[in-house]
Protein backbone atom coordinates (compact mmCIF):
# COMPACT_ATOMS: atom_id res chain seq x y z
CA UNK A 1 144.79 120.12 112.99
CA UNK A 2 146.73 116.85 113.28
CA UNK A 3 144.97 113.57 113.89
CA UNK A 4 146.73 110.92 115.88
CA UNK A 5 146.69 107.30 114.79
CA UNK A 6 143.99 105.13 116.23
CA UNK A 7 145.09 102.31 118.45
CA UNK A 8 143.61 98.85 118.20
CA UNK A 9 141.80 99.46 121.50
CA UNK A 10 140.16 102.59 120.02
CA UNK A 11 138.45 100.61 117.24
CA UNK A 12 134.89 99.36 117.54
CA UNK A 13 134.26 95.61 117.39
CA UNK A 14 132.94 96.02 113.83
CA UNK A 15 136.09 97.88 112.76
CA UNK A 16 138.28 95.22 114.33
CA UNK A 17 136.34 92.50 112.52
CA UNK A 18 136.74 94.40 109.25
CA UNK A 19 140.49 94.72 109.69
CA UNK A 20 140.83 91.03 110.57
CA UNK A 21 138.69 90.08 107.57
CA UNK A 22 140.90 92.08 105.21
CA UNK A 23 144.04 90.55 106.71
CA UNK A 24 142.57 87.05 106.27
CA UNK A 25 141.65 87.83 102.65
CA UNK A 26 145.16 89.08 101.89
CA UNK A 27 146.74 86.02 103.52
CA UNK A 28 144.46 83.65 101.59
CA UNK A 29 145.18 85.37 98.26
CA UNK A 30 148.93 85.31 98.89
CA UNK A 31 148.89 81.65 99.95
CA UNK A 32 146.82 80.60 96.93
CA UNK A 33 149.01 82.55 94.51
CA UNK A 34 152.21 81.16 96.04
CA UNK A 35 150.88 77.61 95.85
CA UNK A 36 149.80 78.10 92.24
CA UNK A 37 153.22 79.54 91.38
CA UNK A 38 154.88 76.46 92.83
CA UNK A 39 152.85 74.19 90.61
CA UNK A 40 153.61 76.02 87.34
CA UNK A 41 156.69 75.94 85.14
CA UNK A 42 158.39 79.15 84.02
CA UNK A 43 156.93 78.87 80.52
CA UNK A 44 153.40 78.99 81.98
CA UNK A 45 154.00 82.47 83.40
CA UNK A 46 154.15 85.95 81.95
CA UNK A 47 157.43 87.16 83.41
CA UNK A 48 160.05 85.76 85.75
CA UNK A 49 158.87 83.43 88.49
CA UNK A 50 160.96 85.18 91.16
CA UNK A 51 159.28 88.50 90.34
CA UNK A 52 155.83 86.94 90.80
CA UNK A 53 156.98 85.36 94.09
CA UNK A 54 157.71 88.81 95.50
CA UNK A 55 154.71 90.53 93.94
CA UNK A 56 152.20 88.02 95.28
CA UNK A 57 153.08 88.98 98.86
CA UNK A 58 151.04 92.12 98.23
CA UNK A 59 147.27 91.95 97.69
CA UNK A 60 147.37 93.80 94.36
CA UNK A 61 150.30 91.67 93.23
CA UNK A 62 148.39 88.47 93.99
CA UNK A 63 145.36 89.74 92.09
CA UNK A 64 147.58 90.76 89.16
CA UNK A 65 149.22 87.32 89.10
CA UNK A 66 145.89 85.51 89.18
CA UNK A 67 144.42 87.67 86.39
CA UNK A 68 147.32 88.34 84.00
CA UNK A 69 150.40 86.50 85.24
CA UNK A 70 149.44 82.98 84.20
CA UNK A 71 149.46 81.42 80.75
CA UNK A 72 148.36 77.96 79.73
CA UNK A 73 146.34 75.60 81.87
CA UNK A 74 143.53 76.96 84.08
CA UNK A 75 143.52 76.63 87.86
């Protein structure tokens, strides 16, 4: 039996709020990580800066950057 995708209008208000909350969290993490990347020199990072720029657009990439990608001074 195949299930069709749910449309936005099929979601309950609580489900919509959950989706919007997750989108806001992802956007905030990406923005914070990008800003932090801009303030650090290449020698304060584990790996190439351009790689972290692309990776932080994804939620898991932003979390990885914030936990293991930085070296040196704290936030």
